[in-house]
Amino acid sequence: MNQRILAASAIVALAVSTSAFAQGKGKKAKPPSRNDLSSPSVATGAGAASPLAWVDDATVLDPGGVAVSISTIRWWGSGLSEVNIPIVDFALGVTKRVQLSASVPRVADSSQPDGAVGGLGTTYFTAKIGVAENRTHTAKLAVLPTIEVLSPGVVQGLAPGEHRVQLGLPVSGELDRGPLRLYGAAGYFTRGAWFTGAGAGLSVSNMVSVSTGFSRAWRKSDVPDVPLSDRDRNEISGSASYGFTPMVRVFASLSRTVATLPENGAGTTIGGGVSLFFTTPAK
């Protein structure tokens, strides 16, 4: 029953978001690499997907454990398109409560006048610190201090005095219920961006996992009469992964913005890739 409910929820949500996409016609569109509320859509090999890299679960890799993901995504909306290839994600378990990770996308240059700016996309370096966990390991809480290095496209739109390197403090919580995982996150970046999001991942079998997620990011405004709808980005996603072995999984994801203006990166994103997992030998 849980499998059918989760799969149906993801399909319906994506269908509704697609049909509801009459968002801000006549506005000047921006691809994600030019927007400070966007980050590469993430689909982990475990099957948990989030349309925003800032929204993560609270699970920390075992000490010595390594996870590497290589993927690509394509975004399109309002007559523009953008390709990120490759996106390299790396995570290393340092201690039982500390994990270090990095997410480094490469943006393909666009021939469109207002299209993507080629080069390294917005990059994240994160330390995930587990701060609380119950004895059964079914409820977890983590903080994720993050260094954000903005892409050249975002830097072009920064106001005078704003810096390319920013700091963020996401906080994540997670509940495990057998094959079902629920997680949520919220946080703030020093450039004035706030975000929140939630997701669910389900292990359908030993090899197959599916997930769905939603995120919302918004920026503060010094102009009192600027409505929140002009400075926020809402996105919903779904993904599936297949494990060839415990160490190798392939995945695919689909995400779509909802009630988001073109200048905030409104559009559709598809992606896929492979994840590799390594553990230290038991002594």
Foldseek 3Di string as FASTA:
>chain_A
DVVVVFVVVQVVVVVVQVVQPPAAPPDDFAAQLQAPQADPWDADQLAWTARHPLKDAQQADAAAKKKKWWKKKKWDDPHAIWIWHTWIKIKHHHHRFKMKIKIWIFIDPDPDPRYHDGGIAKMKIWIWGWDDADPVRFKTKIKIKMKIQHHPSNVVVDDPPDDRIKIKIKIKMWGDDDQKIKMKIWIAIPQFKTKIKIKMKGDPDPFKIKMKMKMKMFGDDPDVPDDRLQTMKIKIKMKMWTDPDPFKIKMKMKMAIHSHHSHNNGTIMIMIIMMGMDDDDDD
